[in-house]
Amino acid sequence: MQEEAIITQMNQLGISDREARLYCALLRKSEATAAELQRLSGVPRTKIYEALESLVDRGFSLVRHSGRSKFYKAVSPEEVMALLSNRWELDHEQKINTSQAVFSDLLELYKSQKAEDQSLDVIEVIRSREQIHRRYVSLVASAREEILAFIRTPLASQPRTSNENQQDQAEAGACDHGVVKRCIYRYEPDHQDWVRRNVSLSIENGDSFRISYDVPMKMFVFDRKITLFAIPSLPGLSGTDFTMAVVQDAGLAEANRILFNTIWDGSSTHEEWEKGEHPLGLDHL
């Protein structure tokens, strides 16, 4: 390996450029004076003694006095490596011990402020389509009894993507585990293909569903405990036109459940809808 490459790697180990150059120069001589080492290493004359003292202090070099002269001799690379390894291990152990103490104190500080105000722990705002997709799939997968859904635009996956396929699979899996899902679809002429596809999927999965002209918001209620609902995009955000919030509060979930049942009672079944003014043409299913 070229000496410059070796010096670069020594720098990465925390050895200064001057120290690395002097040590390489020492290895080429059995013993040398400061003046000789300055010529061999290229370290500036004004810095040579300071750099040599640092090498001796760090255990890279030995020094022999002869009268008024000093002669420097390299410590073998094996010994230097063992010395550095021991120092690194001690340093690592000290940092671990210090970090455990510091982060233990930080944890107590964190717990104290959490204890003072837990009002926002139940609220989670999700600001990207990918995050919304992942959160929705996880909520569906964790449902054990019931999912209620107001389904309308805006759509997290538009046009159809692999995310929608994953959502379909999660919903089908929930139904297979006995989770009861009820949906109210808003009829939207501009998205009729999307409505038809989702209604077809509900029929295929055996979901209970109804169709309405008036669905006030996009919302899901899971197991009477958690509500996921769409909200207007937050001002100042870029790259998103779709924002949802998750609220883990049984009281809010129950209120939304009452709202859902009220609109459910006033909505049309599939059979009733097909007899109306805007049939979806799914009588054959």
C-alpha atoms as a PDB file:
ATOM      1  CA  MET A   1       0.000   0.000   0.000  1.00  0.00           C
ATOM      2  CA  GLN A   2       1.255   3.511  -0.838  1.00  0.00           C
ATOM      3  CA  GLU A   3       2.448   5.535   2.140  1.00  0.00           C
ATOM      4  CA  GLU A   4      -0.066   8.334   1.504  1.00  0.00           C
ATOM      5  CA  ALA A   5      -2.907   5.822   1.693  1.00  0.00           C
ATOM      6  CA  ILE A   6      -1.497   4.461   4.962  1.00  0.00           C
ATOM      7  CA  ILE A   7      -1.277   7.985   6.392  1.00  0.00           C
ATOM      8  CA  THR A   8      -4.910   8.647   5.392  1.00  0.00           C
ATOM      9  CA  GLN A   9      -6.046   5.512   7.217  1.00  0.00           C
ATOM     10  CA  MET A  10      -3.986   6.459  10.277  1.00  0.00           C
ATOM     11  CA  ASN A  11      -5.759   9.834  10.250  1.00  0.00           C
ATOM     12  CA  GLN A  12      -9.074   7.962  10.364  1.00  0.00           C
ATOM     13  CA  LEU A  13      -7.862   6.226  13.529  1.00  0.00           C
ATOM     14  CA  GLY A  14      -7.383   9.582  15.250  1.00  0.00           C
ATOM     15  CA  ILE A  15      -3.652   9.962  14.514  1.00  0.00           C
ATOM     16  CA  SER A  16      -2.801  13.421  13.229  1.00  0.00           C
ATOM     17  CA  ASP A  17      -1.199  13.909   9.848  1.00  0.00           C
ATOM     18  CA  ARG A  18       2.122  15.076  11.375  1.00  0.00           C
ATOM     19  CA  GLU A  19       2.198  12.178  13.826  1.00  0.00           C
ATOM     20  CA  ALA A  20       1.446   9.682  11.053  1.00  0.00           C
ATOM     21  CA  ARG A  21       4.174  11.071   8.782  1.00  0.00           C
ATOM     22  CA  LEU A  22       6.737  11.099  11.592  1.00  0.00           C
ATOM     23  CA  TYR A  23       5.882   7.539  12.632  1.00  0.00           C
ATOM     24  CA  CYS A  24       6.301   6.303   9.039  1.00  0.00           C
ATOM     25  CA  ALA A  25       9.636   8.124   8.886  1.00  0.00           C
ATOM     26  CA  LEU A  26      10.731   6.527  12.182  1.00  0.00           C
ATOM     27  CA  LEU A  27       9.976   3.064  10.785  1.00  0.00           C
ATOM     28  CA  ARG A  28      12.499   3.638   7.996  1.00  0.00           C
ATOM     29  CA  LYS A  29      15.324   4.364  10.455  1.00  0.00           C
ATOM     30  CA  SER A  30      16.644   2.411  13.415  1.00  0.00           C
ATOM     31  CA  GLU A  31      17.171   5.707  15.201  1.00  0.00           C
ATOM     32  CA  ALA A  32      17.069   9.338  14.094  1.00  0.00           C
ATOM     33  CA  THR A  33      17.393  12.906  15.294  1.00  0.00           C
ATOM     34  CA  ALA A  34      14.685  15.540  14.975  1.00  0.00           C
ATOM     35  CA  ALA A  35      16.524  17.146  12.051  1.00  0.00           C
ATOM     36  CA  GLU A  36      16.700  13.836  10.163  1.00  0.00           C
ATOM     37  CA  LEU A  37      13.057  13.113  10.821  1.00  0.00           C
ATOM     38  CA  GLN A  38      12.068  16.577   9.654  1.00  0.00           C
ATOM     39  CA  ARG A  39      13.758  15.942   6.300  1.00  0.00           C
ATOM     40  CA  LEU A  40      12.259  12.433   5.953  1.00  0.00           C
ATOM     41  CA  SER A  41       8.696  13.349   6.958  1.00  0.00           C
ATOM     42  CA  GLY A  42       8.295  16.855   5.586  1.00  0.00           C
ATOM     43  CA  VAL A  43       6.853  18.054   8.881  1.00  0.00           C
ATOM     44  CA  PRO A  44       7.602  21.801   9.236  1.00  0.00           C
ATOM     45  CA  ARG A  45      10.726  22.557  11.289  1.00  0.00           C
ATOM     46  CA  THR A  46       8.731  24.797  13.656  1.00  0.00           C
ATOM     47  CA  LYS A  47       6.408  21.883  14.480  1.00  0.00           C
ATOM     48  CA  ILE A  48       8.822  18.949  14.564  1.00  0.00           C
ATOM     49  CA  TYR A  49       9.588  18.943  18.301  1.00  0.00           C
ATOM     50  CA  GLU A  50       5.944  19.392  19.282  1.00  0.00           C
ATOM     51  CA  ALA A  51       4.935  16.493  17.030  1.00  0.00           C
ATOM     52  CA  LEU A  52       7.744  14.253  18.332  1.00  0.00           C
ATOM     53  CA  GLU A  53       6.775  14.961  21.958  1.00  0.00           C
ATOM     54  CA  SER A  54       3.223  13.938  21.081  1.00  0.00           C
ATOM     55  CA  LEU A  55       4.480  10.673  19.538  1.00  0.00           C
ATOM     56  CA  VAL A  56       6.484   9.880  22.658  1.00  0.00           C
ATOM     57  CA  ASP A  57       3.550  10.743  24.953  1.00  0.00           C
ATOM     58  CA  ARG A  58       1.213   8.496  22.945  1.00  0.00           C
ATOM     59  CA  GLY A  59       3.654   5.572  23.005  1.00  0.00           C
ATOM     60  CA  PHE A  60       4.551   5.587  19.309  1.00  0.00           C
ATOM     61  CA  SER A  61       8.200   6.451  19.892  1.00  0.00           C
ATOM     62  CA  LEU A  62      11.021   6.052  22.376  1.00  0.00           C
ATOM     63  CA  VAL A  63      13.572   8.787  23.004  1.00  0.00           C
ATOM     64  CA  ARG A  64      17.254   8.395  23.990  1.00  0.00           C
ATOM     65  CA  HIS A  65      19.332  11.247  25.343  1.00  0.00           C
ATOM     66  CA  SER A  66      22.994  11.456  24.481  1.00  0.00           C
ATOM     67  CA  GLY A  67      24.606  14.602  25.758  1.00  0.00           C
ATOM     68  CA  ARG A  68      22.635  17.473  24.332  1.00  0.00           C
ATOM     69  CA  SER A  69      21.210  15.342  21.506  1.00  0.00           C
ATOM     70  CA  LYS A  70      17.992  13.339  21.352  1.00  0.00           C
ATOM     71  CA  PHE A  71      17.558  10.210  19.297  1.00  0.00           C
ATOM     72  CA  TYR A  72      14.114   8.855  18.469  1.00  0.00           C
ATOM     73  CA  LYS A  73      13.239   5.216  17.825  1.00  0.00           C
ATOM     74  CA  ALA A  74       9.906   3.774  16.651  1.00  0.00           C
ATOM     75  CA  VAL A  75       7.885   1.461  18.882  1.00  0.00           C
ATOM     76  CA  SER A  76       6.933  -1.613  16.835  1.00  0.00           C
ATOM     77  CA  PRO A  77       3.543  -1.456  15.018  1.00  0.00           C
ATOM     78  CA  GLU A  78       2.355  -4.548  16.965  1.00  0.00           C
ATOM     79  CA  GLU A  79       2.920  -2.786  20.279  1.00  0.00           C
ATOM     80  CA  VAL A  80       1.303   0.428  19.041  1.00  0.00           C
ATOM     81  CA  MET A  81      -1.762  -1.475  17.831  1.00  0.00           C
ATOM     82  CA  ALA A  82      -2.106  -3.270  21.181  1.00  0.00           C
ATOM     83  CA  LEU A  83      -1.733   0.053  23.004  1.00  0.00           C
ATOM     84  CA  LEU A  84      -4.373   1.745  20.868  1.00  0.00           C
ATOM     85  CA  SER A  85      -6.761  -1.224  21.175  1.00  0.00           C
ATOM     86  CA  ASN A  86      -6.555  -1.072  24.963  1.00  0.00           C
ATOM     87  CA  ARG A  87      -7.220   2.652  24.913  1.00  0.00           C
ATOM     88  CA  TRP A  88     -10.184   2.244  22.556  1.00  0.00           C
ATOM     89  CA  GLU A  89     -11.684  -0.462  24.752  1.00  0.00           C
ATOM     90  CA  LEU A  90     -11.317   1.682  27.858  1.00  0.00           C
ATOM     91  CA  ASP A  91     -12.720   4.696  26.044  1.00  0.00           C
ATOM     92  CA  HIS A  92     -15.660   2.668  24.728  1.00  0.00           C
ATOM     93  CA  GLU A  93     -16.425   1.264  28.173  1.00  0.00           C
ATOM     94  CA  GLN A  94     -16.268   4.730  29.703  1.00  0.00           C
ATOM     95  CA  LYS A  95     -18.626   6.119  27.061  1.00  0.00           C
ATOM     96  CA  ILE A  96     -21.081   3.266  27.630  1.00  0.00           C
ATOM     97  CA  ASN A  97     -21.077   3.879  31.378  1.00  0.00           C
ATOM     98  CA  THR A  98     -21.473   7.617  30.913  1.00  0.00           C
ATOM     99  CA  SER A  99     -24.265   7.205  28.355  1.00  0.00           C
ATOM    100  CA  GLN A 100     -26.174   4.837  30.631  1.00  0.00           C
ATOM    101  CA  ALA A 101     -26.077   7.380  33.431  1.00  0.00           C
ATOM    102  CA  VAL A 102     -26.911  10.329  31.181  1.00  0.00           C
ATOM    103  CA  PHE A 103     -29.752   8.665  29.310  1.00  0.00           C
ATOM    104  CA  SER A 104     -31.167   7.278  32.536  1.00  0.00           C
ATOM    105  CA  ASP A 105     -31.448  10.862  33.766  1.00  0.00           C
ATOM    106  CA  LEU A 106     -32.900  11.938  30.418  1.00  0.00           C
ATOM    107  CA  LEU A 107     -35.490   9.150  30.617  1.00  0.00           C
ATOM    108  CA  GLU A 108     -36.606  10.379  34.020  1.00  0.00           C
ATOM    109  CA  LEU A 109     -36.941  13.884  32.592  1.00  0.00           C
ATOM    110  CA  TYR A 110     -38.976  12.525  29.677  1.00  0.00           C
ATOM    111  CA  LYS A 111     -41.246  10.542  32.009  1.00  0.00           C
ATOM    112  CA  SER A 112     -41.817  13.565  34.211  1.00  0.00           C
ATOM    113  CA  GLN A 113     -43.053  15.744  31.359  1.00  0.00           C
ATOM    114  CA  LYS A 114     -45.179  12.887  30.002  1.00  0.00           C
ATOM    115  CA  ALA A 115     -46.774  12.506  33.417  1.00  0.00           C
ATOM    116  CA  GLU A 116     -47.531  16.222  33.537  1.00  0.00           C
ATOM    117  CA  ASP A 117     -49.349  16.314  30.195  1.00  0.00           C
ATOM    118  CA  GLN A 118     -50.580  13.221  28.427  1.00  0.00           C
ATOM    119  CA  SER A 119     -53.323  15.069  26.568  1.00  0.00           C
ATOM    120  CA  LEU A 120     -51.705  14.697  23.148  1.00  0.00           C
ATOM    121  CA  ASP A 121     -50.594  11.082  23.493  1.00  0.00           C
ATOM    122  CA  VAL A 122     -53.849   9.880  21.950  1.00  0.00           C
ATOM    123  CA  ILE A 123     -53.563  12.079  18.841  1.00  0.00           C
ATOM    124  CA  GLU A 124     -51.431  11.243  15.816  1.00  0.00           C
ATOM    125  CA  VAL A 125     -51.402  13.364  12.642  1.00  0.00           C
ATOM    126  CA  ILE A 126     -50.258  11.579   9.470  1.00  0.00           C
ATOM    127  CA  ARG A 127     -49.160  13.778   6.608  1.00  0.00           C
ATOM    128  CA  SER A 128     -48.098  11.543   3.733  1.00  0.00           C
ATOM    129  CA  ARG A 129     -49.926   8.999   1.619  1.00  0.00           C
ATOM    130  CA  GLU A 130     -47.367   6.262   2.322  1.00  0.00           C
ATOM    131  CA  GLN A 131     -47.592   6.787   6.102  1.00  0.00           C
ATOM    132  CA  ILE A 132     -51.397   6.799   5.887  1.00  0.00           C
ATOM    133  CA  HIS A 133     -51.292   3.514   3.997  1.00  0.00           C
ATOM    134  CA  ARG A 134     -48.995   1.840   6.536  1.00  0.00           C
ATOM    135  CA  ARG A 135     -51.033   3.107   9.497  1.00  0.00           C
ATOM    136  CA  TYR A 136     -54.322   1.996   7.972  1.00  0.00           C
ATOM    137  CA  VAL A 137     -53.006  -1.496   7.233  1.00  0.00           C
ATOM    138  CA  SER A 138     -51.685  -1.813  10.814  1.00  0.00           C
ATOM    139  CA  LEU A 139     -55.027  -0.690  12.292  1.00  0.00           C
ATOM    140  CA  VAL A 140     -56.948  -3.161  10.139  1.00  0.00           C
ATOM    141  CA  ALA A 141     -54.547  -5.951  11.091  1.00  0.00           C
ATOM    142  CA  SER A 142     -54.927  -5.174  14.814  1.00  0.00           C
ATOM    143  CA  ALA A 143     -58.744  -4.992  14.728  1.00  0.00           C
ATOM    144  CA  ARG A 144     -60.454  -7.813  16.621  1.00  0.00           C
ATOM    145  CA  GLU A 145     -64.186  -7.101  16.524  1.00  0.00           C
ATOM    146  CA  GLU A 146     -65.460  -4.330  14.273  1.00  0.00           C
ATOM    147  CA  ILE A 147     -64.467  -1.821  11.595  1.00  0.00           C
ATOM    148  CA  LEU A 148     -66.853   0.968  10.585  1.00  0.00           C
ATOM    149  CA  ALA A 149     -65.993   2.973   7.484  1.00  0.00           C
ATOM    150  CA  PHE A 150     -67.209   6.163   5.841  1.00  0.00           C
ATOM    151  CA  ILE A 151     -65.656   5.797   2.381  1.00  0.00           C
ATOM    152  CA  ARG A 152     -65.320   8.744   0.011  1.00  0.00           C
ATOM    153  CA  THR A 153     -62.691  10.889  -1.649  1.00  0.00           C
ATOM    154  CA  PRO A 154     -59.982  12.116  -1.172  1.00  0.00           C
ATOM    155  CA  LEU A 155     -58.232   8.826  -1.836  1.00  0.00           C
ATOM    156  CA  ALA A 156     -54.888   7.843  -0.340  1.00  0.00           C
ATOM    157  CA  SER A 157     -54.164   5.640  -3.372  1.00  0.00           C
ATOM    158  CA  GLN A 158     -55.217   7.356  -6.546  1.00  0.00           C
ATOM    159  CA  PRO A 159     -54.790   6.018  -9.188  1.00  0.00           C
ATOM    160  CA  ARG A 160     -54.740   2.382  -8.073  1.00  0.00           C
ATOM    161  CA  THR A 161     -51.376   1.283  -6.672  1.00  0.00           C
ATOM    162  CA  SER A 162     -49.804  -1.701  -4.938  1.00  0.00           C
ATOM    163  CA  ASN A 163     -50.768   0.000  -1.656  1.00  0.00           C
ATOM    164  CA  GLU A 164     -54.434  -0.549  -2.451  1.00  0.00           C
ATOM    165  CA  ASN A 165     -53.718  -4.211  -3.111  1.00  0.00           C
ATOM    166  CA  GLN A 166     -52.098  -4.470   0.329  1.00  0.00           C
ATOM    167  CA  GLN A 167     -55.099  -2.744   1.896  1.00  0.00           C
ATOM    168  CA  ASP A 168     -57.443  -5.174   0.139  1.00  0.00           C
ATOM    169  CA  GLN A 169     -55.429  -8.102   1.500  1.00  0.00           C
ATOM    170  CA  ALA A 170     -55.446  -6.684   5.038  1.00  0.00           C
ATOM    171  CA  GLU A 171     -59.213  -6.168   4.916  1.00  0.00           C
ATOM    172  CA  ALA A 172     -59.806  -9.670   3.573  1.00  0.00           C
ATOM    173  CA  GLY A 173     -57.585 -11.071   6.336  1.00  0.00           C
ATOM    174  CA  ALA A 174     -59.568  -9.196   8.999  1.00  0.00           C
ATOM    175  CA  CYS A 175     -62.819 -10.638   7.644  1.00  0.00           C
ATOM    176  CA  ASP A 176     -61.304 -14.133   7.683  1.00  0.00           C
ATOM    177  CA  HIS A 177     -60.577 -13.633  11.413  1.00  0.00           C
ATOM    178  CA  GLY A 178     -64.180 -12.753  12.162  1.00  0.00           C
ATOM    179  CA  VAL A 179     -63.916  -8.965  12.199  1.00  0.00           C
ATOM    180  CA  VAL A 180     -67.244  -7.415  11.206  1.00  0.00           C
ATOM    181  CA  LYS A 181     -66.817  -4.608   8.696  1.00  0.00           C
ATOM    182  CA  ARG A 182     -69.576  -2.193   7.759  1.00  0.00           C
ATOM    183  CA  CYS A 183     -69.055   0.450   5.087  1.00  0.00           C
ATOM    184  CA  ILE A 184     -71.024   3.417   3.846  1.00  0.00           C
ATOM    185  CA  TYR A 185     -69.929   4.474   0.363  1.00  0.00           C
ATOM    186  CA  ARG A 186     -70.560   7.960  -0.887  1.00  0.00           C
ATOM    187  CA  TYR A 187     -71.841   7.917  -4.449  1.00  0.00           C
ATOM    188  CA  GLU A 188     -69.591  10.219  -6.476  1.00  0.00           C
ATOM    189  CA  PRO A 189     -70.294  10.447 -10.230  1.00  0.00           C
ATOM    190  CA  ASP A 190     -66.750  11.671 -10.948  1.00  0.00           C
ATOM    191  CA  HIS A 191     -65.343   8.521  -9.316  1.00  0.00           C
ATOM    192  CA  GLN A 192     -67.978   6.001 -10.330  1.00  0.00           C
ATOM    193  CA  ASP A 193     -65.452   3.364 -11.434  1.00  0.00           C
ATOM    194  CA  TRP A 194     -63.795   3.583  -8.025  1.00  0.00           C
ATOM    195  CA  VAL A 195     -67.164   3.276  -6.230  1.00  0.00           C
ATOM    196  CA  ARG A 196     -68.129   0.299  -8.397  1.00  0.00           C
ATOM    197  CA  ARG A 197     -64.822  -1.452  -7.710  1.00  0.00           C
ATOM    198  CA  ASN A 198     -65.063  -0.977  -3.943  1.00  0.00           C
ATOM    199  CA  VAL A 199     -68.685  -2.043  -3.788  1.00  0.00           C
ATOM    200  CA  SER A 200     -67.750  -5.148  -5.796  1.00  0.00           C
ATOM    201  CA  LEU A 201     -64.951  -5.854  -3.336  1.00  0.00           C
ATOM    202  CA  SER A 202     -67.325  -5.499  -0.381  1.00  0.00           C
ATOM    203  CA  ILE A 203     -69.722  -7.946  -1.993  1.00  0.00           C
ATOM    204  CA  GLU A 204     -66.850 -10.351  -2.651  1.00  0.00           C
ATOM    205  CA  ASN A 205     -65.597 -10.112   0.958  1.00  0.00           C
ATOM    206  CA  GLY A 206     -69.048 -10.442   2.434  1.00  0.00           C
ATOM    207  CA  ASP A 207     -68.909  -6.989   4.057  1.00  0.00           C
ATOM    208  CA  SER A 208     -72.065  -5.235   5.110  1.00  0.00           C
ATOM    209  CA  PHE A 209     -72.349  -1.980   3.176  1.00  0.00           C
ATOM    210  CA  ARG A 210     -74.692   0.743   2.095  1.00  0.00           C
ATOM    211  CA  ILE A 211     -74.516   3.621  -0.355  1.00  0.00           C
ATOM    212  CA  SER A 212     -75.405   7.242   0.305  1.00  0.00           C
ATOM    213  CA  TYR A 213     -75.256  10.626  -1.396  1.00  0.00           C
ATOM    214  CA  ASP A 214     -74.223  12.208   1.888  1.00  0.00           C
ATOM    215  CA  VAL A 215     -71.094  10.904   3.627  1.00  0.00           C
ATOM    216  CA  PRO A 216     -69.698  13.851   5.628  1.00  0.00           C
ATOM    217  CA  MET A 217     -66.077  12.730   5.864  1.00  0.00           C
ATOM    218  CA  LYS A 218     -63.662   9.877   5.221  1.00  0.00           C
ATOM    219  CA  MET A 219     -63.457   8.008   8.527  1.00  0.00           C
ATOM    220  CA  PHE A 220     -62.834   4.591  10.091  1.00  0.00           C
ATOM    221  CA  VAL A 221     -63.674   3.415  13.612  1.00  0.00           C
ATOM    222  CA  PHE A 222     -61.819   0.372  14.952  1.00  0.00           C
ATOM    223  CA  ASP A 223     -63.153  -1.771  17.816  1.00  0.00           C
ATOM    224  CA  ARG A 224     -64.989   1.216  19.395  1.00  0.00           C
ATOM    225  CA  LYS A 225     -61.611   2.584  20.518  1.00  0.00           C
ATOM    226  CA  ILE A 226     -59.694   4.188  17.658  1.00  0.00           C
ATOM    227  CA  THR A 227     -60.824   6.653  14.992  1.00  0.00           C
ATOM    228  CA  LEU A 228     -58.920   7.351  11.762  1.00  0.00           C
ATOM    229  CA  PHE A 229     -60.303  10.304   9.796  1.00  0.00           C
ATOM    230  CA  ALA A 230     -59.350  12.664   6.985  1.00  0.00           C
ATOM    231  CA  ILE A 231     -58.765  16.315   7.755  1.00  0.00           C
ATOM    232  CA  PRO A 232     -57.907  19.279   5.482  1.00  0.00           C
ATOM    233  CA  SER A 233     -54.246  19.508   4.558  1.00  0.00           C
ATOM    234  CA  LEU A 234     -52.255  21.487   7.066  1.00  0.00           C
ATOM    235  CA  PRO A 235     -51.065  24.918   5.828  1.00  0.00           C
ATOM    236  CA  GLY A 236     -47.426  25.229   4.930  1.00  0.00           C
ATOM    237  CA  LEU A 237     -46.926  21.583   3.992  1.00  0.00           C
ATOM    238  CA  SER A 238     -45.582  20.704   0.567  1.00  0.00           C
ATOM    239  CA  GLY A 239     -45.882  17.493  -1.396  1.00  0.00           C
ATOM    240  CA  THR A 240     -49.173  16.379   0.159  1.00  0.00           C
ATOM    241  CA  ASP A 241     -52.835  17.122  -0.352  1.00  0.00           C
ATOM    242  CA  PHE A 242     -54.083  14.427   2.002  1.00  0.00           C
ATOM    243  CA  THR A 243     -53.835  14.381   5.778  1.00  0.00           C
ATOM    244  CA  MET A 244     -55.394  12.027   8.337  1.00  0.00           C
ATOM    245  CA  ALA A 245     -55.474  11.831  12.097  1.00  0.00           C
ATOM    246  CA  VAL A 246     -55.625   8.869  14.469  1.00  0.00           C
ATOM    247  CA  VAL A 247     -57.332   9.452  17.821  1.00  0.00           C
ATOM    248  CA  GLN A 248     -57.238   6.732  20.469  1.00  0.00           C
ATOM    249  CA  ASP A 249     -60.203   7.708  22.588  1.00  0.00           C
ATOM    250  CA  ALA A 250     -63.164   5.459  23.341  1.00  0.00           C
ATOM    251  CA  GLY A 251     -65.534   8.397  23.885  1.00  0.00           C
ATOM    252  CA  LEU A 252     -64.830   9.908  20.474  1.00  0.00           C
ATOM    253  CA  ALA A 253     -65.018   6.481  18.859  1.00  0.00           C
ATOM    254  CA  GLU A 254     -68.449   5.864  20.406  1.00  0.00           C
ATOM    255  CA  ALA A 255     -69.717   9.276  19.264  1.00  0.00           C
ATOM    256  CA  ASN A 256     -68.544   8.518  15.731  1.00  0.00           C
ATOM    257  CA  ARG A 257     -70.168   5.110  15.959  1.00  0.00           C
ATOM    258  CA  ILE A 258     -73.498   6.767  16.772  1.00  0.00           C
ATOM    259  CA  LEU A 259     -73.010   9.100  13.782  1.00  0.00           C
ATOM    260  CA  PHE A 260     -72.211   6.117  11.589  1.00  0.00           C
ATOM    261  CA  ASN A 261     -75.332   4.193  12.659  1.00  0.00           C
ATOM    262  CA  THR A 262     -77.532   7.247  12.094  1.00  0.00           C
ATOM    263  CA  ILE A 263     -76.301   7.661   8.521  1.00  0.00           C
ATOM    264  CA  TRP A 264     -76.371   3.882   8.015  1.00  0.00           C
ATOM    265  CA  ASP A 265     -80.077   3.819   8.828  1.00  0.00           C
ATOM    266  CA  GLY A 266     -80.707   6.478   6.186  1.00  0.00           C
ATOM    267  CA  SER A 267     -78.569   4.904   3.463  1.00  0.00           C
ATOM    268  CA  SER A 268     -79.514   2.486   0.687  1.00  0.00           C
ATOM    269  CA  THR A 269     -78.716  -1.195   0.478  1.00  0.00           C
ATOM    270  CA  HIS A 270     -77.157  -2.502  -2.708  1.00  0.00           C
ATOM    271  CA  GLU A 271     -80.511  -3.824  -3.907  1.00  0.00           C
ATOM    272  CA  GLU A 272     -82.257  -0.520  -3.169  1.00  0.00           C
ATOM    273  CA  TRP A 273     -79.538   1.471  -4.901  1.00  0.00           C
ATOM    274  CA  GLU A 274     -79.748  -0.581  -8.097  1.00  0.00           C
ATOM    275  CA  LYS A 275     -83.448   0.340  -8.334  1.00  0.00           C
ATOM    276  CA  GLY A 276     -82.708   4.070  -8.032  1.00  0.00           C
ATOM    277  CA  GLU A 277     -81.658   6.783 -10.453  1.00  0.00           C
ATOM    278  CA  HIS A 278     -77.933   5.954 -10.574  1.00  0.00           C
ATOM    279  CA  PRO A 279     -77.510   2.160 -10.529  1.00  0.00           C
ATOM    280  CA  LEU A 280     -73.986   0.781 -10.484  1.00  0.00           C
ATOM    281  CA  GLY A 281     -74.928  -2.151 -12.670  1.00  0.00           C
ATOM    282  CA  LEU A 282     -73.821  -4.827 -10.198  1.00  0.00           C
ATOM    283  CA  ASP A 283     -77.015  -6.866 -10.057  1.00  0.00           C
ATOM    284  CA  HIS A 284     -75.182  -9.878 -11.452  1.00  0.00           C
ATOM    285  CA  LEU A 285     -72.878 -10.092  -8.420  1.00  0.00           C
END
